[in-house]
Amino acid sequence: MILKPREKIHVIHRRHFEKDLHRHFVGVVDWYDAGVARVTGNVYCVNGAKFKFVRRPETRTRLISVISGDLLVNIIPDSVNLDQVAYHQEARSVRVTDGSDWYLDLSEHAWM
């Protein structure tokens, strides 16, 4: 099985056009079967005025296809506190972190 229930994930939605929003999703896998995952968590979008990722406050449940080619799915360690996840820009890189020692460097996926 590619994804397991209760596994934490970070998802980057592929942009198809230059003006498409940068959309990310951070959450937990509820169920996975045949390339489709049911996930619950929060959406993060770029605030165009501040060029910062902002967490949408409402929790969402989504169905995502991990085999579609439209998503980059990163597995997050179980120790990560999803309620504390935030994006920080450092020099020419963007990092996702929960404030602990863990971080995910998104430099190759940033808007620079």
Protein backbone atom coordinates (compact mmCIF):
# COMPACT_ATOMS: atom_id res chain seq x y z
CA MET A 1 0.00 0.00 0.00
CA ILE A 2 1.42 3.39 -1.01
CA LEU A 3 -0.38 5.40 1.69
CA LYS A 4 -1.59 4.11 5.04
CA PRO A 5 -4.45 5.36 7.21
CA ARG A 6 -3.31 7.97 9.80
CA GLU A 7 -0.18 8.77 7.76
CA LYS A 8 0.56 12.52 7.56
CA ILE A 9 1.09 14.08 4.14
CA HIS A 10 2.01 17.36 2.47
CA VAL A 11 0.54 17.78 -1.03
CA ILE A 12 1.58 20.28 -3.69
CA HIS A 13 -0.99 20.84 -6.44
CA ARG A 14 0.63 21.25 -9.84
CA ARG A 15 0.05 24.60 -11.47
CA HIS A 16 -1.09 24.38 -15.09
CA PHE A 17 -0.87 28.09 -15.89
CA GLU A 18 1.43 30.87 -14.71
CA LYS A 19 -1.37 32.71 -12.90
CA ASP A 20 -2.73 29.61 -11.12
CA LEU A 21 -2.59 29.89 -7.35
CA HIS A 22 0.04 27.97 -5.40
CA ARG A 23 -2.10 25.46 -3.49
CA HIS A 24 -0.83 23.02 -0.89
CA PHE A 25 -2.62 20.64 1.44
CA VAL A 26 -1.40 19.30 4.80
CA GLY A 27 -3.35 16.56 6.50
CA VAL A 28 -3.89 12.94 7.42
CA VAL A 29 -4.82 9.98 5.24
CA ASP A 30 -8.22 8.60 6.25
CA TRP A 31 -8.32 5.86 3.63
CA TYR A 32 -6.39 4.78 0.53
CA ASP A 33 -7.40 2.44 -2.28
CA ALA A 34 -6.31 2.01 -5.90
CA GLY A 35 -4.49 5.33 -6.22
CA VAL A 36 -7.16 7.47 -4.53
CA ALA A 37 -6.81 8.80 -1.00
CA ARG A 38 -9.42 10.30 1.27
CA VAL A 39 -7.59 12.94 3.32
CA THR A 40 -8.55 15.42 6.03
CA GLY A 41 -6.59 18.58 6.78
CA ASN A 42 -6.02 22.18 5.74
CA VAL A 43 -5.37 24.03 2.50
CA TYR A 44 -2.51 26.53 2.25
CA CYS A 45 -2.58 29.19 -0.48
CA VAL A 46 -0.28 32.06 -1.38
CA ASN A 47 -1.48 35.50 -0.37
CA GLY A 48 -0.61 37.42 -3.54
CA ALA A 49 -0.23 40.75 -1.76
CA LYS A 50 2.29 39.44 0.77
CA PHE A 51 3.71 36.47 -1.19
CA LYS A 52 3.19 34.28 1.90
CA PHE A 53 1.50 30.92 2.34
CA VAL A 54 -1.63 31.27 4.47
CA ARG A 55 -3.52 28.42 6.12
CA ARG A 56 -7.25 28.35 5.44
CA PRO A 57 -8.94 27.97 8.85
CA GLU A 58 -11.54 25.37 7.93
CA THR A 59 -10.70 21.66 7.97
CA ARG A 60 -11.50 19.92 4.70
CA THR A 61 -11.94 16.33 3.63
CA ARG A 62 -10.86 15.67 0.05
CA LEU A 63 -10.40 12.85 -2.38
CA ILE A 64 -7.07 13.05 -4.17
CA SER A 65 -5.60 10.90 -6.90
CA VAL A 66 -1.97 10.22 -6.11
CA ILE A 67 -1.44 8.70 -9.57
CA SER A 68 -2.87 11.58 -11.62
CA GLY A 69 0.45 13.37 -12.15
CA ASP A 70 -1.10 16.61 -10.87
CA LEU A 71 0.17 16.25 -7.29
CA LEU A 72 3.46 15.95 -5.47
CA VAL A 73 2.87 14.01 -2.25
CA ASN A 74 5.37 14.15 0.60
CA ILE A 75 5.10 11.86 3.63
CA ILE A 76 5.45 13.79 6.89
CA PRO A 77 6.90 12.15 10.02
CA ASP A 78 4.36 11.06 12.60
CA SER A 79 5.94 13.37 15.19
CA VAL A 80 4.99 16.54 13.24
CA ASN A 81 2.27 18.67 14.87
CA LEU A 82 -0.05 19.53 11.95
CA ASP A 83 -1.72 22.34 13.93
CA GLN A 84 1.65 24.14 14.10
CA VAL A 85 2.66 23.78 10.43
CA ALA A 86 3.71 27.06 8.84
CA TYR A 87 5.71 28.24 5.84
CA HIS A 88 8.85 30.34 6.24
CA GLN A 89 10.91 31.99 3.55
CA GLU A 90 14.65 31.90 4.20
CA ALA A 91 16.88 33.63 1.65
CA ARG A 92 15.97 31.86 -1.62
CA SER A 93 14.19 28.87 -0.12
CA VAL A 94 10.78 28.12 1.34
CA ARG A 95 10.49 25.72 4.26
CA VAL A 96 7.50 24.04 5.82
CA THR A 97 7.95 23.37 9.53
CA ASP A 98 6.02 22.84 12.74
CA GLY A 99 8.63 24.69 14.78
CA SER A 100 10.48 21.52 15.78
CA ASP A 101 13.68 20.22 14.18
CA TRP A 102 11.64 18.90 11.24
CA TYR A 103 11.27 20.89 8.05
CA LEU A 104 10.50 20.27 4.39
CA ASP A 105 12.55 22.37 1.97
CA LEU A 106 10.39 23.40 -0.99
CA SER A 107 13.06 25.36 -2.89
CA GLU A 108 12.56 23.49 -6.13
CA HIS A 109 8.81 24.10 -5.93
CA ALA A 110 8.89 27.77 -4.88
CA TRP A 111 7.73 30.70 -7.00
CA MET A 112 11.18 32.20 -7.50
